[in-house]
Amino acid sequence: MKRIDIHVEGLSVEARTNLAQSVYSAFVSAGRRAVSAFALGVAVTSVIFFGTQWVLFKLDVGRDDTDGKTRSGLNLYTDHKTGCQYLGNGSGLTPRMDALGYQMCSEKAKGGKL
């Protein structure tokens, strides 16, 4: 720790030492309060964020008919020109097929008129 040396006319060495210790103590106290307030803010923000994520997960927000009881990790994409649907996982796309093995497309695309 670096020594704080305050020179004020008319103060004894003991008074200067007490003044320096008071200033140092004030800085330390202010720093502790700032760190405590920051830590409390981070903790509250984390609880709110993760609590919200948990509630949204439990309420099945964001699920579609490609998801079963557990999340598949697949995203559903629709070609807006053809109306055909594709499944993707981030590294590629594959056509989404119905129970008969045909690609799932809108009624407009099935009629042959795009």
PDB file of N, CA and C in Angstrom:
ATOM      1  N   MET A   1       0.845  -1.171   0.000  1.00  0.00           N
ATOM      2  CA  MET A   1       0.000   0.000   0.000  1.00  0.00           C
ATOM      3  C   MET A   1       0.891   1.236   0.000  1.00  0.00           C
ATOM      4  N   LYS A   2       0.557   2.177  -0.871  1.00  0.00           N
ATOM      5  CA  LYS A   2       1.323   3.410  -0.958  1.00  0.00           C
ATOM      6  C   LYS A   2       0.899   4.349   0.170  1.00  0.00           C
ATOM      7  N   ARG A   3       1.876   4.988   0.764  1.00  0.00           N
ATOM      8  CA  ARG A   3       1.601   5.888   1.881  1.00  0.00           C
ATOM      9  C   ARG A   3       1.057   7.205   1.349  1.00  0.00           C
ATOM     10  N   ILE A   4      -0.017   7.686   1.961  1.00  0.00           N
ATOM     11  CA  ILE A   4      -0.574   8.991   1.625  1.00  0.00           C
ATOM     12  C   ILE A   4       0.051  10.011   2.561  1.00  0.00           C
ATOM     13  N   ASP A   5       0.689  11.017   1.991  1.00  0.00           N
ATOM     14  CA  ASP A   5       1.356  12.033   2.803  1.00  0.00           C
ATOM     15  C   ASP A   5       0.706  13.381   2.512  1.00  0.00           C
ATOM     16  N   ILE A   6       0.007  13.934   3.488  1.00  0.00           N
ATOM     17  CA  ILE A   6      -0.687  15.209   3.331  1.00  0.00           C
ATOM     18  C   ILE A   6       0.046  16.263   4.145  1.00  0.00           C
ATOM     19  N   HIS A   7       0.390  17.372   3.482  1.00  0.00           N
ATOM     20  CA  HIS A   7       1.070  18.473   4.175  1.00  0.00           C
ATOM     21  C   HIS A   7       0.120  19.653   4.265  1.00  0.00           C
ATOM     22  N   VAL A   8      -0.331  19.934   5.463  1.00  0.00           N
ATOM     23  CA  VAL A   8      -1.191  21.083   5.727  1.00  0.00           C
ATOM     24  C   VAL A   8      -0.536  21.858   6.864  1.00  0.00           C
ATOM     25  N   GLU A   9      -0.400  23.170   6.651  1.00  0.00           N
ATOM     26  CA  GLU A   9       0.230  24.023   7.670  1.00  0.00           C
ATOM     27  C   GLU A   9      -0.538  23.940   8.978  1.00  0.00           C
ATOM     28  N   GLY A  10       0.155  23.744  10.045  1.00  0.00           N
ATOM     29  CA  GLY A  10      -0.436  23.788  11.371  1.00  0.00           C
ATOM     30  C   GLY A  10      -0.982  22.464  11.866  1.00  0.00           C
ATOM     31  N   LEU A  11      -0.936  21.386  11.076  1.00  0.00           N
ATOM     32  CA  LEU A  11      -1.421  20.087  11.538  1.00  0.00           C
ATOM     33  C   LEU A  11      -0.253  19.252  12.032  1.00  0.00           C
ATOM     34  N   SER A  12      -0.514  18.570  13.118  1.00  0.00           N
ATOM     35  CA  SER A  12       0.530  17.699  13.659  1.00  0.00           C
ATOM     36  C   SER A  12       0.635  16.445  12.791  1.00  0.00           C
ATOM     37  N   VAL A  13       1.669  15.686  13.013  1.00  0.00           N
ATOM     38  CA  VAL A  13       1.869  14.440  12.269  1.00  0.00           C
ATOM     39  C   VAL A  13       0.708  13.485  12.535  1.00  0.00           C
ATOM     40  N   GLU A  14       0.261  13.433  13.773  1.00  0.00           N
ATOM     41  CA  GLU A  14      -0.847  12.547  14.121  1.00  0.00           C
ATOM     42  C   GLU A  14      -2.134  12.975  13.416  1.00  0.00           C
ATOM     43  N   ALA A  15      -2.410  14.274  13.357  1.00  0.00           N
ATOM     44  CA  ALA A  15      -3.607  14.783  12.683  1.00  0.00           C
ATOM     45  C   ALA A  15      -3.544  14.498  11.188  1.00  0.00           C
ATOM     46  N   ARG A  16      -2.354  14.684  10.585  1.00  0.00           N
ATOM     47  CA  ARG A  16      -2.201  14.383   9.157  1.00  0.00           C
ATOM     48  C   ARG A  16      -2.421  12.896   8.887  1.00  0.00           C
ATOM     49  N   THR A  17      -1.912  12.051   9.771  1.00  0.00           N
ATOM     50  CA  THR A  17      -2.099  10.607   9.618  1.00  0.00           C
ATOM     51  C   THR A  17      -3.573  10.248   9.721  1.00  0.00           C
ATOM     52  N   ASN A  18      -4.265  10.835  10.689  1.00  0.00           N
ATOM     53  CA  ASN A  18      -5.702  10.576  10.839  1.00  0.00           C
ATOM     54  C   ASN A  18      -6.482  11.049   9.619  1.00  0.00           C
ATOM     55  N   LEU A  19      -6.122  12.215   9.080  1.00  0.00           N
ATOM     56  CA  LEU A  19      -6.785  12.743   7.890  1.00  0.00           C
ATOM     57  C   LEU A  19      -6.553  11.824   6.696  1.00  0.00           C
ATOM     58  N   ALA A  20      -5.324  11.373   6.520  1.00  0.00           N
ATOM     59  CA  ALA A  20      -5.006  10.477   5.409  1.00  0.00           C
ATOM     60  C   ALA A  20      -5.765   9.160   5.533  1.00  0.00           C
ATOM     61  N   GLN A  21      -5.844   8.632   6.749  1.00  0.00           N
ATOM     62  CA  GLN A  21      -6.572   7.385   6.956  1.00  0.00           C
ATOM     63  C   GLN A  21      -8.063   7.566   6.705  1.00  0.00           C
ATOM     64  N   SER A  22      -8.606   8.725   7.048  1.00  0.00           N
ATOM     65  CA  SER A  22     -10.021   9.004   6.799  1.00  0.00           C
ATOM     66  C   SER A  22     -10.314   9.072   5.306  1.00  0.00           C
ATOM     67  N   VAL A  23      -9.433   9.755   4.563  1.00  0.00           N
ATOM     68  CA  VAL A  23      -9.611   9.855   3.107  1.00  0.00           C
ATOM     69  C   VAL A  23      -9.526   8.466   2.480  1.00  0.00           C
ATOM     70  N   TYR A  24      -8.520   7.693   2.877  1.00  0.00           N
ATOM     71  CA  TYR A  24      -8.351   6.344   2.353  1.00  0.00           C
ATOM     72  C   TYR A  24      -9.567   5.480   2.688  1.00  0.00           C
ATOM     73  N   SER A  25     -10.058   5.575   3.910  1.00  0.00           N
ATOM     74  CA  SER A  25     -11.219   4.805   4.332  1.00  0.00           C
ATOM     75  C   SER A  25     -12.458   5.181   3.521  1.00  0.00           C
ATOM     76  N   ALA A  26     -12.612   6.473   3.217  1.00  0.00           N
ATOM     77  CA  ALA A  26     -13.752   6.920   2.412  1.00  0.00           C
ATOM     78  C   ALA A  26     -13.692   6.328   1.008  1.00  0.00           C
ATOM     79  N   PHE A  27     -12.488   6.305   0.404  1.00  0.00           N
ATOM     80  CA  PHE A  27     -12.339   5.713  -0.931  1.00  0.00           C
ATOM     81  C   PHE A  27     -12.667   4.220  -0.914  1.00  0.00           C
ATOM     82  N   VAL A  28     -12.179   3.526   0.085  1.00  0.00           N
ATOM     83  CA  VAL A  28     -12.430   2.086   0.189  1.00  0.00           C
ATOM     84  C   VAL A  28     -13.917   1.825   0.386  1.00  0.00           C
ATOM     85  N   SER A  29     -14.550   2.596   1.237  1.00  0.00           N
ATOM     86  CA  SER A  29     -15.975   2.422   1.507  1.00  0.00           C
ATOM     87  C   SER A  29     -16.811   2.691   0.256  1.00  0.00           C
ATOM     88  N   ALA A  30     -16.471   3.748  -0.477  1.00  0.00           N
ATOM     89  CA  ALA A  30     -17.200   4.064  -1.710  1.00  0.00           C
ATOM     90  C   ALA A  30     -17.023   2.951  -2.737  1.00  0.00           C
ATOM     91  N   GLY A  31     -15.819   2.417  -2.828  1.00  0.00           N
ATOM     92  CA  GLY A  31     -15.563   1.318  -3.757  1.00  0.00           C
ATOM     93  C   GLY A  31     -16.345   0.073  -3.403  1.00  0.00           C
ATOM     94  N   ARG A  32     -16.411  -0.230  -2.119  1.00  0.00           N
ATOM     95  CA  ARG A  32     -17.170  -1.402  -1.678  1.00  0.00           C
ATOM     96  C   ARG A  32     -18.652  -1.251  -1.992  1.00  0.00           C
ATOM     97  N   ARG A  33     -19.192  -0.052  -1.764  1.00  0.00           N
ATOM     98  CA  ARG A  33     -20.609   0.185  -2.067  1.00  0.00           C
ATOM     99  C   ARG A  33     -20.872   0.045  -3.562  1.00  0.00           C
ATOM    100  N   ALA A  34     -19.959   0.561  -4.388  1.00  0.00           N
ATOM    101  CA  ALA A  34     -20.137   0.470  -5.840  1.00  0.00           C
ATOM    102  C   ALA A  34     -20.094  -0.985  -6.302  1.00  0.00           C
ATOM    103  N   VAL A  35     -19.152  -1.748  -5.774  1.00  0.00           N
ATOM    104  CA  VAL A  35     -19.047  -3.162  -6.144  1.00  0.00           C
ATOM    105  C   VAL A  35     -20.272  -3.928  -5.660  1.00  0.00           C
ATOM    106  N   SER A  36     -20.741  -3.638  -4.465  1.00  0.00           N
ATOM    107  CA  SER A  36     -21.932  -4.312  -3.940  1.00  0.00           C
ATOM    108  C   SER A  36     -23.161  -3.996  -4.786  1.00  0.00           C
ATOM    109  N   ALA A  37     -23.323  -2.733  -5.163  1.00  0.00           N
ATOM    110  CA  ALA A  37     -24.468  -2.345  -5.992  1.00  0.00           C
ATOM    111  C   ALA A  37     -24.394  -3.016  -7.360  1.00  0.00           C
ATOM    112  N   PHE A  38     -23.203  -3.085  -7.936  1.00  0.00           N
ATOM    113  CA  PHE A  38     -23.033  -3.731  -9.240  1.00  0.00           C
ATOM    114  C   PHE A  38     -23.347  -5.221  -9.145  1.00  0.00           C
ATOM    115  N   ALA A  39     -22.837  -5.879  -8.113  1.00  0.00           N
ATOM    116  CA  ALA A  39     -23.080  -7.314  -7.933  1.00  0.00           C
ATOM    117  C   ALA A  39     -24.568  -7.592  -7.727  1.00  0.00           C
ATOM    118  N   LEU A  40     -25.234  -6.745  -6.967  1.00  0.00           N
ATOM    119  CA  LEU A  40     -26.672  -6.909  -6.764  1.00  0.00           C
ATOM    120  C   LEU A  40     -27.420  -6.741  -8.082  1.00  0.00           C
ATOM    121  N   GLY A  41     -27.036  -5.759  -8.875  1.00  0.00           N
ATOM    122  CA  GLY A  41     -27.665  -5.545 -10.178  1.00  0.00           C
ATOM    123  C   GLY A  41     -27.483  -6.731 -11.108  1.00  0.00           C
ATOM    124  N   VAL A  42     -26.278  -7.294 -11.135  1.00  0.00           N
ATOM    125  CA  VAL A  42     -26.017  -8.469 -11.972  1.00  0.00           C
ATOM    126  C   VAL A  42     -26.851  -9.656 -11.496  1.00  0.00           C
ATOM    127  N   ALA A  43     -26.941  -9.848 -10.196  1.00  0.00           N
ATOM    128  CA  ALA A  43     -27.710 -10.971  -9.652  1.00  0.00           C
ATOM    129  C   ALA A  43     -29.197 -10.837  -9.984  1.00  0.00           C
ATOM    130  N   VAL A  44     -29.756  -9.654  -9.781  1.00  0.00           N
ATOM    131  CA  VAL A  44     -31.182  -9.437 -10.064  1.00  0.00           C
ATOM    132  C   VAL A  44     -31.464  -9.606 -11.554  1.00  0.00           C
ATOM    133  N   THR A  45     -30.606  -9.043 -12.398  1.00  0.00           N
ATOM    134  CA  THR A  45     -30.782  -9.169 -13.847  1.00  0.00           C
ATOM    135  C   THR A  45     -30.708 -10.629 -14.277  1.00  0.00           C
ATOM    136  N   SER A  46     -29.782 -11.383 -13.718  1.00  0.00           N
ATOM    137  CA  SER A  46     -29.647 -12.802 -14.062  1.00  0.00           C
ATOM    138  C   SER A  46     -30.887 -13.591 -13.660  1.00  0.00           C
ATOM    139  N   VAL A  47     -31.388 -13.340 -12.469  1.00  0.00           N
ATOM    140  CA  VAL A  47     -32.585 -14.054 -12.006  1.00  0.00           C
ATOM    141  C   VAL A  47     -33.776 -13.732 -12.900  1.00  0.00           C
ATOM    142  N   ILE A  48     -33.952 -12.471 -13.252  1.00  0.00           N
ATOM    143  CA  ILE A  48     -35.069 -12.082 -14.122  1.00  0.00           C
ATOM    144  C   ILE A  48     -34.924 -12.718 -15.497  1.00  0.00           C
ATOM    145  N   PHE A  49     -33.727 -12.663 -16.078  1.00  0.00           N
ATOM    146  CA  PHE A  49     -33.502 -13.205 -17.419  1.00  0.00           C
ATOM    147  C   PHE A  49     -33.752 -14.710 -17.458  1.00  0.00           C
ATOM    148  N   PHE A  50     -33.103 -15.450 -16.557  1.00  0.00           N
ATOM    149  CA  PHE A  50     -33.251 -16.901 -16.583  1.00  0.00           C
ATOM    150  C   PHE A  50     -34.645 -17.339 -16.143  1.00  0.00           C
ATOM    151  N   GLY A  51     -35.269 -16.595 -15.259  1.00  0.00           N
ATOM    152  CA  GLY A  51     -36.643 -16.901 -14.877  1.00  0.00           C
ATOM    153  C   GLY A  51     -37.602 -16.731 -16.041  1.00  0.00           C
ATOM    154  N   THR A  52     -37.422 -15.666 -16.805  1.00  0.00           N
ATOM    155  CA  THR A  52     -38.254 -15.431 -17.987  1.00  0.00           C
ATOM    156  C   THR A  52     -38.049 -16.532 -19.016  1.00  0.00           C
ATOM    157  N   GLN A  53     -36.802 -16.925 -19.248  1.00  0.00           N
ATOM    158  CA  GLN A  53     -36.515 -18.003 -20.198  1.00  0.00           C
ATOM    159  C   GLN A  53     -37.171 -19.311 -19.760  1.00  0.00           C
ATOM    160  N   TRP A  54     -37.120 -19.609 -18.487  1.00  0.00           N
ATOM    161  CA  TRP A  54     -37.711 -20.840 -17.972  1.00  0.00           C
ATOM    162  C   TRP A  54     -39.228 -20.832 -18.157  1.00  0.00           C
ATOM    163  N   VAL A  55     -39.867 -19.695 -17.836  1.00  0.00           N
ATOM    164  CA  VAL A  55     -41.327 -19.587 -17.984  1.00  0.00           C
ATOM    165  C   VAL A  55     -41.721 -19.746 -19.449  1.00  0.00           C
ATOM    166  N   LEU A  56     -40.999 -19.083 -20.363  1.00  0.00           N
ATOM    167  CA  LEU A  56     -41.314 -19.207 -21.784  1.00  0.00           C
ATOM    168  C   LEU A  56     -41.133 -20.643 -22.269  1.00  0.00           C
ATOM    169  N   PHE A  57     -40.114 -21.320 -21.781  1.00  0.00           N
ATOM    170  CA  PHE A  57     -39.895 -22.719 -22.162  1.00  0.00           C
ATOM    171  C   PHE A  57     -41.032 -23.601 -21.661  1.00  0.00           C
ATOM    172  N   LYS A  58     -41.455 -23.391 -20.417  1.00  0.00           N
ATOM    173  CA  LYS A  58     -42.522 -24.213 -19.845  1.00  0.00           C
ATOM    174  C   LYS A  58     -43.874 -23.947 -20.512  1.00  0.00           C
ATOM    175  N   LEU A  59     -44.087 -22.738 -21.016  1.00  0.00           N
ATOM    176  CA  LEU A  59     -45.356 -22.400 -21.666  1.00  0.00           C
ATOM    177  C   LEU A  59     -45.371 -22.773 -23.141  1.00  0.00           C
ATOM    178  N   ASP A  60     -44.310 -23.394 -23.624  1.00  0.00           N
ATOM    179  CA  ASP A  60     -44.195 -23.827 -25.024  1.00  0.00           C
ATOM    180  C   ASP A  60     -44.266 -22.673 -26.010  1.00  0.00           C
ATOM    181  N   VAL A  61     -43.798 -21.503 -25.613  1.00  0.00           N
ATOM    182  CA  VAL A  61     -43.757 -20.360 -26.521  1.00  0.00           C
ATOM    183  C   VAL A  61     -42.695 -20.633 -27.579  1.00  0.00           C
ATOM    184  N   GLY A  62     -43.032 -20.427 -28.835  1.00  0.00           N
ATOM    185  CA  GLY A  62     -42.076 -20.626 -29.918  1.00  0.00           C
ATOM    186  C   GLY A  62     -42.118 -22.010 -30.532  1.00  0.00           C
ATOM    187  N   ARG A  63     -43.009 -22.864 -30.054  1.00  0.00           N
ATOM    188  CA  ARG A  63     -43.124 -24.200 -30.649  1.00  0.00           C
ATOM    189  C   ARG A  63     -44.051 -24.155 -31.859  1.00  0.00           C
ATOM    190  N   ASP A  64     -43.798 -25.054 -32.812  1.00  0.00           N
ATOM    191  CA  ASP A  64     -44.703 -25.205 -33.947  1.00  0.00           C
ATOM    192  C   ASP A  64     -44.999 -26.689 -34.122  1.00  0.00           C
ATOM    193  N   ASP A  65     -45.658 -27.055 -35.221  1.00  0.00           N
ATOM    194  CA  ASP A  65     -46.058 -28.449 -35.376  1.00  0.00           C
ATOM    195  C   ASP A  65     -44.904 -29.378 -35.738  1.00  0.00           C
ATOM    196  N   THR A  66     -43.678 -28.854 -35.874  1.00  0.00           N
ATOM    197  CA  THR A  66     -42.523 -29.735 -36.089  1.00  0.00           C
ATOM    198  C   THR A  66     -41.942 -30.214 -34.771  1.00  0.00           C
ATOM    199  N   ASP A  67     -42.346 -29.611 -33.663  1.00  0.00           N
ATOM    200  CA  ASP A  67     -41.811 -29.971 -32.350  1.00  0.00           C
ATOM    201  C   ASP A  67     -42.697 -31.005 -31.678  1.00  0.00           C
ATOM    202  N   GLY A  68     -42.074 -31.994 -31.079  1.00  0.00           N
ATOM    203  CA  GLY A  68     -42.792 -32.990 -30.293  1.00  0.00           C
ATOM    204  C   GLY A  68     -42.758 -32.594 -28.831  1.00  0.00           C
ATOM    205  N   LYS A  69     -42.731 -33.613 -27.950  1.00  0.00           N
ATOM    206  CA  LYS A  69     -42.643 -33.337 -26.514  1.00  0.00           C
ATOM    207  C   LYS A  69     -41.320 -32.682 -26.149  1.00  0.00           C
ATOM    208  N   THR A  70     -40.255 -33.076 -26.855  1.00  0.00           N
ATOM    209  CA  THR A  70     -38.945 -32.472 -26.623  1.00  0.00           C
ATOM    210  C   THR A  70     -38.560 -31.659 -27.850  1.00  0.00           C
ATOM    211  N   ARG A  71     -37.709 -30.680 -27.661  1.00  0.00           N
ATOM    212  CA  ARG A  71     -37.299 -29.815 -28.764  1.00  0.00           C
ATOM    213  C   ARG A  71     -36.445 -30.594 -29.754  1.00  0.00           C
ATOM    214  N   SER A  72     -36.703 -30.384 -31.050  1.00  0.00           N
ATOM    215  CA  SER A  72     -35.971 -31.108 -32.086  1.00  0.00           C
ATOM    216  C   SER A  72     -34.727 -30.364 -32.540  1.00  0.00           C
ATOM    217  N   GLY A  73     -34.676 -29.070 -32.333  1.00  0.00           N
ATOM    218  CA  GLY A  73     -33.547 -28.284 -32.812  1.00  0.00           C
ATOM    219  C   GLY A  73     -33.692 -27.886 -34.269  1.00  0.00           C
ATOM    220  N   LEU A  74     -34.835 -28.208 -34.877  1.00  0.00           N
ATOM    221  CA  LEU A  74     -35.066 -27.864 -36.279  1.00  0.00           C
ATOM    222  C   LEU A  74     -35.878 -26.584 -36.383  1.00  0.00           C
ATOM    223  N   ASN A  75     -35.595 -25.819 -37.428  1.00  0.00           N
ATOM    224  CA  ASN A  75     -36.357 -24.608 -37.722  1.00  0.00           C
ATOM    225  C   ASN A  75     -37.176 -24.845 -38.977  1.00  0.00           C
ATOM    226  N   LEU A  76     -38.364 -24.297 -39.016  1.00  0.00           N
ATOM    227  CA  LEU A  76     -39.251 -24.445 -40.159  1.00  0.00           C
ATOM    228  C   LEU A  76     -39.120 -23.215 -41.046  1.00  0.00           C
ATOM    229  N   TYR A  77     -38.835 -23.435 -42.339  1.00  0.00           N
ATOM    230  CA  TYR A  77     -38.713 -22.352 -43.315  1.00  0.00           C
ATOM    231  C   TYR A  77     -39.741 -22.581 -44.413  1.00  0.00           C
ATOM    232  N   THR A  78     -40.336 -21.499 -44.918  1.00  0.00           N
ATOM    233  CA  THR A  78     -41.288 -21.578 -46.021  1.00  0.00           C
ATOM    234  C   THR A  78     -40.793 -20.701 -47.155  1.00  0.00           C
ATOM    235  N   ASP A  79     -40.696 -21.288 -48.344  1.00  0.00           N
ATOM    236  CA  ASP A  79     -40.321 -20.531 -49.542  1.00  0.00           C
ATOM    237  C   ASP A  79     -41.538 -19.694 -49.932  1.00  0.00           C
ATOM    238  N   HIS A  80     -41.401 -18.391 -49.907  1.00  0.00           N
ATOM    239  CA  HIS A  80     -42.561 -17.523 -50.134  1.00  0.00           C
ATOM    240  C   HIS A  80     -43.009 -17.507 -51.591  1.00  0.00           C
ATOM    241  N   LYS A  81     -42.160 -17.897 -52.509  1.00  0.00           N
ATOM    242  CA  LYS A  81     -42.567 -17.939 -53.912  1.00  0.00           C
ATOM    243  C   LYS A  81     -43.349 -19.214 -54.207  1.00  0.00           C
ATOM    244  N   THR A  82     -42.859 -20.348 -53.715  1.00  0.00           N
ATOM    245  CA  THR A  82     -43.510 -21.627 -54.007  1.00  0.00           C
ATOM    246  C   THR A  82     -44.464 -22.070 -52.911  1.00  0.00           C
ATOM    247  N   GLY A  83     -44.269 -21.593 -51.689  1.00  0.00           N
ATOM    248  CA  GLY A  83     -45.095 -22.022 -50.571  1.00  0.00           C
ATOM    249  C   GLY A  83     -44.669 -23.357 -49.994  1.00  0.00           C
ATOM    250  N   CYS A  84     -43.555 -23.918 -50.469  1.00  0.00           N
ATOM    251  CA  CYS A  84     -43.070 -25.203 -49.971  1.00  0.00           C
ATOM    252  C   CYS A  84     -42.275 -25.005 -48.686  1.00  0.00           C
ATOM    253  N   GLN A  85     -42.359 -26.025 -47.821  1.00  0.00           N
ATOM    254  CA  GLN A  85     -41.712 -25.932 -46.517  1.00  0.00           C
ATOM    255  C   GLN A  85     -40.436 -26.766 -46.480  1.00  0.00           C
ATOM    256  N   TYR A  86     -39.468 -26.256 -45.687  1.00  0.00           N
ATOM    257  CA  TYR A  86     -38.181 -26.921 -45.512  1.00  0.00           C
ATOM    258  C   TYR A  86     -37.832 -26.914 -44.032  1.00  0.00           C
ATOM    259  N   LEU A  87     -37.078 -27.925 -43.609  1.00  0.00           N
ATOM    260  CA  LEU A  87     -36.568 -27.995 -42.246  1.00  0.00           C
ATOM    261  C   LEU A  87     -35.068 -27.754 -42.287  1.00  0.00           C
ATOM    262  N   GLY A  88     -34.571 -26.968 -41.330  1.00  0.00           N
ATOM    263  CA  GLY A  88     -33.145 -26.683 -41.274  1.00  0.00           C
ATOM    264  C   GLY A  88     -32.643 -26.742 -39.849  1.00  0.00           C
ATOM    265  N   ASN A  89     -31.355 -27.088 -39.722  1.00  0.00           N
ATOM    266  CA  ASN A  89     -30.739 -27.137 -38.393  1.00  0.00           C
ATOM    267  C   ASN A  89     -29.531 -26.224 -38.305  1.00  0.00           C
ATOM    268  N   GLY A  90     -29.369 -25.322 -39.238  1.00  0.00           N
ATOM    269  CA  GLY A  90     -28.248 -24.395 -39.217  1.00  0.00           C
ATOM    270  C   GLY A  90     -27.155 -24.758 -40.197  1.00  0.00           C
ATOM    271  N   SER A  91     -27.085 -26.029 -40.616  1.00  0.00           N
ATOM    272  CA  SER A  91     -26.034 -26.422 -41.549  1.00  0.00           C
ATOM    273  C   SER A  91     -26.596 -26.857 -42.895  1.00  0.00           C
ATOM    274  N   GLY A  92     -27.897 -26.823 -43.073  1.00  0.00           N
ATOM    275  CA  GLY A  92     -28.483 -27.198 -44.354  1.00  0.00           C
ATOM    276  C   GLY A  92     -29.993 -27.260 -44.264  1.00  0.00           C
ATOM    277  N   LEU A  93     -30.630 -27.436 -45.423  1.00  0.00           N
ATOM    278  CA  LEU A  93     -32.089 -27.528 -45.503  1.00  0.00           C
ATOM    279  C   LEU A  93     -32.473 -28.863 -46.118  1.00  0.00           C
ATOM    280  N   THR A  94     -33.626 -29.367 -45.718  1.00  0.00           N
ATOM    281  CA  THR A  94     -34.193 -30.564 -46.334  1.00  0.00           C
ATOM    282  C   THR A  94     -35.692 -30.327 -46.488  1.00  0.00           C
ATOM    283  N   PRO A  95     -36.294 -30.821 -47.571  1.00  0.00           N
ATOM    284  CA  PRO A  95     -37.738 -30.617 -47.749  1.00  0.00           C
ATOM    285  C   PRO A  95     -38.525 -31.282 -46.620  1.00  0.00           C
ATOM    286  N   ARG A  96     -39.595 -30.641 -46.209  1.00  0.00           N
ATOM    287  CA  ARG A  96     -40.476 -31.214 -45.184  1.00  0.00           C
ATOM    288  C   ARG A  96     -41.521 -32.067 -45.899  1.00  0.00           C
ATOM    289  N   MET A  97     -41.590 -33.338 -45.530  1.00  0.00           N
ATOM    290  CA  MET A  97     -42.471 -34.284 -46.207  1.00  0.00           C
ATOM    291  C   MET A  97     -43.703 -34.586 -45.357  1.00  0.00           C
ATOM    292  N   ASP A  98     -44.813 -34.884 -46.041  1.00  0.00           N
ATOM    293  CA  ASP A  98     -46.022 -35.279 -45.323  1.00  0.00           C
ATOM    294  C   ASP A  98     -46.013 -36.795 -45.119  1.00  0.00           C
ATOM    295  N   ALA A  99     -47.109 -37.352 -44.600  1.00  0.00           N
ATOM    296  CA  ALA A  99     -47.171 -38.781 -44.291  1.00  0.00           C
ATOM    297  C   ALA A  99     -47.106 -39.651 -45.544  1.00  0.00           C
ATOM    298  N   LEU A 100     -47.474 -39.108 -46.706  1.00  0.00           N
ATOM    299  CA  LEU A 100     -47.449 -39.877 -47.951  1.00  0.00           C
ATOM    300  C   LEU A 100     -46.120 -39.757 -48.692  1.00  0.00           C
ATOM    301  N   GLY A 101     -45.202 -38.949 -48.161  1.00  0.00           N
ATOM    302  CA  GLY A 101     -43.892 -38.810 -48.792  1.00  0.00           C
ATOM    303  C   GLY A 101     -43.783 -37.661 -49.777  1.00  0.00           C
ATOM    304  N   TYR A 102     -44.806 -36.806 -49.837  1.00  0.00           N
ATOM    305  CA  TYR A 102     -44.763 -35.640 -50.718  1.00  0.00           C
ATOM    306  C   TYR A 102     -44.323 -34.415 -49.919  1.00  0.00           C
ATOM    307  N   GLN A 103     -43.661 -33.495 -50.621  1.00  0.00           N
ATOM    308  CA  GLN A 103     -43.226 -32.280 -49.935  1.00  0.00           C
ATOM    309  C   GLN A 103     -44.435 -31.443 -49.557  1.00  0.00           C
ATOM    310  N   MET A 104     -44.401 -30.896 -48.350  1.00  0.00           N
ATOM    311  CA  MET A 104     -45.503 -30.064 -47.867  1.00  0.00           C
ATOM    312  C   MET A 104     -45.394 -28.684 -48.499  1.00  0.00           C
ATOM    313  N   CYS A 105     -46.423 -28.329 -49.277  1.00  0.00           N
ATOM    314  CA  CYS A 105     -46.479 -27.032 -49.950  1.00  0.00           C
ATOM    315  C   CYS A 105     -47.877 -26.459 -49.757  1.00  0.00           C
ATOM    316  N   SER A 106     -48.016 -25.178 -50.036  1.00  0.00           N
ATOM    317  CA  SER A 106     -49.329 -24.543 -49.907  1.00  0.00           C
ATOM    318  C   SER A 106     -50.253 -25.042 -51.008  1.00  0.00           C
ATOM    319  N   GLU A 107     -51.540 -24.809 -50.847  1.00  0.00           N
ATOM    320  CA  GLU A 107     -52.530 -25.212 -51.850  1.00  0.00           C
ATOM    321  C   GLU A 107     -52.246 -24.541 -53.186  1.00  0.00           C
ATOM    322  N   LYS A 108     -51.729 -23.339 -53.158  1.00  0.00           N
ATOM    323  CA  LYS A 108     -51.401 -22.599 -54.374  1.00  0.00           C
ATOM    324  C   LYS A 108     -50.346 -23.358 -55.182  1.00  0.00           C
ATOM    325  N   ALA A 109     -49.336 -23.898 -54.506  1.00  0.00           N
ATOM    326  CA  ALA A 109     -48.269 -24.629 -55.189  1.00  0.00           C
ATOM    327  C   ALA A 109     -48.764 -25.988 -55.669  1.00  0.00           C
ATOM    328  N   LYS A 110     -49.682 -26.624 -54.936  1.00  0.00           N
ATOM    329  CA  LYS A 110     -50.188 -27.938 -55.331  1.00  0.00           C
ATOM    330  C   LYS A 110     -51.026 -27.851 -56.596  1.00  0.00           C
ATOM    331  N   GLY A 111     -51.670 -26.727 -56.812  1.00  0.00           N
ATOM    332  CA  GLY A 111     -52.493 -26.552 -57.997  1.00  0.00           C
ATOM    333  C   GLY A 111     -51.683 -26.320 -59.258  1.00  0.00           C
ATOM    334  N   GLY A 112     -50.393 -26.129 -59.129  1.00  0.00           N
ATOM    335  CA  GLY A 112     -49.539 -25.948 -60.295  1.00  0.00           C
ATOM    336  C   GLY A 112     -49.406 -24.505 -60.726  1.00  0.00           C
ATOM    337  N   LYS A 113     -50.108 -23.599 -60.088  1.00  0.00           N
ATOM    338  CA  LYS A 113     -50.027 -22.185 -60.451  1.00  0.00           C
ATOM    339  C   LYS A 113     -49.274 -21.446 -59.357  1.00  0.00           C
ATOM    340  N   LEU A 114     -48.128 -20.904 -59.705  1.00  0.00           N
ATOM    341  CA  LEU A 114     -47.338 -20.175 -58.719  1.00  0.00           C
ATOM    342  C   LEU A 114     -47.557 -18.699 -58.845  1.00  0.00           C
TER     343      LEU A 114
END
